[in-house]
Protein backbone atom coordinates (compact mmCIF):
# COMPACT_ATOMS: atom_id res chain seq x y z
CA MET A 1 -0.06 0.07 0.09
CA PHE A 2 2.56 2.79 1.14
CA GLY A 3 5.72 1.91 -0.54
CA ASN A 4 6.75 -2.21 1.86
CA LEU A 5 3.74 -0.80 4.55
CA GLY A 6 1.72 -3.53 5.83
CA PHE A 7 -1.71 -2.99 6.95
CA GLY A 8 -0.53 -4.22 10.75
CA GLU A 9 1.97 -1.47 10.71
CA LEU A 10 -0.49 1.23 9.35
CA MET A 11 -2.57 0.12 12.58
CA VAL A 12 -0.04 0.50 15.11
CA ILE A 13 1.07 3.97 13.39
CA LEU A 14 -3.17 5.22 13.40
CA VAL A 15 -2.73 3.76 17.05
CA ILE A 16 -0.31 5.60 18.33
CA VAL A 17 -0.67 8.83 16.59
CA LEU A 18 -4.19 8.10 18.28
CA VAL A 19 -3.05 8.09 22.18
CA LEU A 20 -0.06 11.33 20.73
CA PHE A 21 -2.53 13.63 20.40
CA GLY A 22 -6.07 12.57 20.93
CA ALA A 23 -9.26 11.15 19.28
CA LYS A 24 -10.16 15.68 18.95
CA ARG A 25 -7.07 15.98 17.22
CA VAL A 26 -7.45 13.23 15.01
CA PRO A 27 -9.62 14.07 12.22
CA GLU A 28 -8.09 18.48 13.19
CA ILE A 29 -4.25 17.50 12.14
CA SER A 30 -5.68 14.50 8.61
CA ALA A 31 -7.42 18.15 7.33
CA SER A 32 -4.51 19.81 7.83
CA PHE A 33 -1.88 17.34 6.12
CA GLY A 34 -4.56 16.77 3.10
CA LYS A 35 -4.75 20.35 2.49
CA GLY A 36 -1.09 20.96 2.92
CA ILE A 37 -0.48 17.31 -0.28
CA ARG A 38 -3.10 19.13 -2.55
CA GLU A 39 -1.32 23.30 -1.92
CA PHE A 40 2.26 21.73 -2.35
CA LYS A 41 0.68 19.49 -6.09
CA ARG A 42 -0.91 22.53 -7.08
CA ASN A 43 2.17 24.17 -6.54
CA LEU A 44 4.32 21.09 -8.63
CA ASN A 45 1.39 21.04 -11.18
CA ASP A 46 1.79 25.26 -11.88
CA ILE A 47 5.14 24.65 -12.02
CA GLU A 48 5.10 21.75 -14.66
CA HIS A 49 2.80 23.89 -15.99
CA SER A 50 5.09 27.24 -16.65
CA VAL A 51 8.28 25.14 -17.79
CA THR A 52 5.93 23.60 -20.71
CA THR A 53 4.55 26.68 -21.84
CA ALA A 54 8.02 28.37 -21.65
CA ALA A 55 9.97 25.25 -23.86
CA THR A 56 6.71 24.98 -26.72
CA THR A 57 6.86 29.45 -26.97
CA PRO A 58 8.64 30.70 -29.48
CA PRO A 59 10.83 33.11 -27.98
CA VAL A 60 9.56 36.71 -28.33
CA GLN A 61 12.28 38.80 -30.34
CA GLU A 62 12.89 42.29 -29.72
CA PRO A 63 12.31 45.34 -32.41
CA ALA A 64 14.95 47.32 -33.08
CA ARG A 65 16.50 48.89 -31.21
CA GLN A 66 16.65 52.78 -33.30
CA ALA A 67 19.42 55.54 -32.91
CA TRP A 68 17.74 58.43 -31.43
CA ALA A 69 19.58 61.87 -32.76
CA PRO A 70 19.81 64.56 -31.03
CA LEU A 71 17.65 67.06 -31.03
CA PRO A 72 18.40 70.69 -33.26
CA PRO A 73 18.28 73.68 -30.89
CA SER A 74 14.78 75.56 -31.08
CA GLN A 75 14.92 78.94 -31.42
CA PRO A 76 13.48 81.22 -28.17
CA VAL A 77 9.90 81.81 -28.03
CA GLN A 78 9.36 85.24 -28.02
CA GLY A 79 7.46 88.01 -25.80
CA GLU A 80 9.54 85.58 -23.07
CA MET A 81 13.15 86.38 -22.55
CA GLY A 82 15.58 83.97 -21.48
CA ALA A 83 13.16 80.90 -21.12
CA GLU A 84 13.35 78.05 -23.17
CA PRO A 85 11.17 76.90 -25.07
CA GLU A 86 10.01 73.07 -24.35
CA ARG A 87 11.61 70.60 -27.47
CA GLU A 88 9.39 68.68 -28.74
CA PRO A 89 10.56 64.70 -29.33
CA LYS A 90 11.18 63.97 -33.03
CA ARG A 91 8.54 61.69 -34.74
CA LEU A 92 9.36 58.67 -36.04
CA LEU A 93 6.28 58.11 -38.46
């Protein structure tokens, strides 16, 4: 059943657990143990799914890098002495 453990060995283990923790705590312990196993399996499946999808999807290619040219200096706006006008970014399209 569980490796090389037979029915007799499992009964001895269950009796020891019952004596150590009491009848009221055994269902709580087994429920939390089951929740822990479910959470572990869910995380393991999530990791396996992410690894397999990463291996099967083609890599995303990065767009070609654009060479940015510095903007030419602009003339000051009339009426604003000494104030520098804002530069507009160079449009690519």
